[in-house]
Amino acid sequence: MMPRRICLAIVTLSGLSSVSAQAADIQITIDKMVYAPAEATAKVGDTIEWVNKDILAHTATAKTNDWDVTIAPNKTVRMVLKKSGEVDYHCKFHPNMNGHVTVGN
């Protein structure tokens, strides 16, 4: 029979291996008709927080049709990433606005 202290250590250490990493928040700001950062890296389950500092509405529309988020002027919208891959996105209202997100597993 193992001493009580060793059993407790084994139970505690085995519990650590089942803890998953927490999802992250990635903030992308829209200011003066530009996404910043223009390129971001994230993982499935992470949340993108779109912060629109402009006086105009914008979208973050994935060219893969994975998402289409409308962000009102001076508002913030949150979106959880559900699929991995390389995603180019743009603003439907202002096609010169472009960005890229690499979403890993």
Protein backbone atom coordinates (compact mmCIF):
# COMPACT_ATOMS: atom_id res chain seq x y z
CA MET A 1 0.00 0.00 0.00
CA MET A 2 1.31 3.48 -0.90
CA PRO A 3 1.70 6.15 1.72
CA ARG A 4 -1.15 8.69 1.62
CA ARG A 5 1.09 11.58 0.51
CA ILE A 6 2.30 9.72 -2.62
CA CYS A 7 -1.27 8.74 -3.62
CA LEU A 8 -2.37 12.37 -3.33
CA ALA A 9 0.55 13.50 -5.53
CA ILE A 10 -0.32 10.92 -8.20
CA VAL A 11 -3.98 11.98 -8.23
CA THR A 12 -3.02 15.66 -8.43
CA LEU A 13 -0.51 15.18 -11.25
CA SER A 14 -2.83 12.98 -13.28
CA GLY A 15 -5.50 15.68 -13.07
CA LEU A 16 -3.13 18.22 -14.63
CA SER A 17 -2.78 16.27 -17.85
CA SER A 18 -6.51 16.55 -18.58
CA VAL A 19 -6.64 20.35 -18.26
CA SER A 20 -6.95 21.97 -21.69
CA ALA A 21 -5.58 25.36 -22.65
CA GLN A 22 -8.03 28.22 -22.41
CA ALA A 23 -9.26 29.95 -25.51
CA ALA A 24 -7.69 33.31 -26.23
CA ASP A 25 -9.18 36.66 -27.19
CA ILE A 26 -7.72 38.33 -30.28
CA GLN A 27 -8.56 41.98 -30.75
CA ILE A 28 -8.70 43.45 -34.24
CA THR A 29 -9.33 47.18 -34.35
CA ILE A 30 -10.79 49.07 -37.28
CA ASP A 31 -9.53 52.64 -37.34
CA LYS A 32 -9.31 55.02 -40.30
CA MET A 33 -10.56 52.28 -42.66
CA VAL A 34 -7.79 49.81 -41.69
CA TYR A 35 -7.87 46.49 -39.80
CA ALA A 36 -5.10 46.38 -37.19
CA PRO A 37 -3.41 44.01 -37.04
CA ALA A 38 -3.99 43.15 -40.69
CA GLU A 39 -2.73 39.60 -40.03
CA ALA A 40 -3.56 37.54 -36.97
CA THR A 41 -2.94 34.00 -35.76
CA ALA A 42 -5.51 32.15 -33.66
CA LYS A 43 -6.80 28.69 -32.77
CA VAL A 44 -10.18 27.07 -33.13
CA GLY A 45 -12.22 28.18 -30.09
CA ASP A 46 -10.48 31.55 -29.80
CA THR A 47 -12.59 34.70 -29.93
CA ILE A 48 -11.96 37.59 -32.26
CA GLU A 49 -13.10 40.89 -30.84
CA TRP A 50 -13.75 43.36 -33.67
CA VAL A 51 -13.50 46.96 -32.39
CA ASN A 52 -14.77 49.59 -34.83
CA LYS A 53 -13.40 53.04 -33.96
CA ASP A 54 -14.63 54.59 -37.21
CA ILE A 55 -17.80 56.63 -37.69
CA LEU A 56 -18.84 54.25 -40.49
CA ALA A 57 -20.12 50.68 -40.29
CA HIS A 58 -17.78 47.94 -41.51
CA THR A 59 -17.90 44.19 -42.01
CA ALA A 60 -15.40 41.40 -41.57
CA THR A 61 -16.48 39.09 -44.37
CA ALA A 62 -14.51 35.89 -44.93
CA LYS A 63 -13.79 35.12 -48.56
CA THR A 64 -14.40 31.45 -47.66
CA ASN A 65 -17.93 32.36 -46.46
CA ASP A 66 -17.01 31.08 -42.97
CA TRP A 67 -18.21 34.31 -41.38
CA ASP A 68 -19.77 37.68 -42.14
CA VAL A 69 -19.73 40.06 -39.20
CA THR A 70 -21.19 43.56 -39.31
CA ILE A 71 -19.64 46.05 -36.87
CA ALA A 72 -21.59 49.25 -36.28
CA PRO A 73 -19.73 52.56 -35.80
CA ASN A 74 -18.00 52.83 -32.42
CA LYS A 75 -19.10 49.31 -31.43
CA THR A 76 -17.48 45.98 -30.61
CA VAL A 77 -18.56 42.54 -31.85
CA ARG A 78 -17.19 39.19 -30.65
CA MET A 79 -16.98 36.04 -32.78
CA VAL A 80 -15.73 32.54 -31.88
CA LEU A 81 -13.58 30.78 -34.48
CA LYS A 82 -15.05 27.37 -35.30
CA LYS A 83 -12.91 26.10 -38.17
CA SER A 84 -9.18 25.91 -38.89
CA GLY A 85 -7.56 27.26 -42.03
CA GLU A 86 -6.23 30.33 -43.78
CA VAL A 87 -8.93 33.00 -44.00
CA ASP A 88 -8.72 36.19 -46.05
CA TYR A 89 -11.42 38.70 -45.18
CA HIS A 90 -12.55 42.14 -46.32
CA CYS A 91 -15.17 44.81 -45.69
CA LYS A 92 -18.17 44.46 -48.03
CA PHE A 93 -18.76 48.21 -47.83
CA HIS A 94 -15.10 49.18 -48.41
CA PRO A 95 -13.38 46.53 -50.60
CA ASN A 96 -9.97 48.13 -50.15
CA MET A 97 -10.02 46.98 -46.50
CA ASN A 98 -8.43 43.52 -46.24
CA GLY A 99 -7.09 41.23 -43.54
CA HIS A 100 -5.96 37.66 -42.92
CA VAL A 101 -6.39 35.20 -40.05
CA THR A 102 -4.51 31.91 -39.74
CA VAL A 103 -6.60 29.57 -37.58
CA GLY A 104 -4.87 26.48 -36.23
CA ASN A 105 -6.19 23.54 -34.21
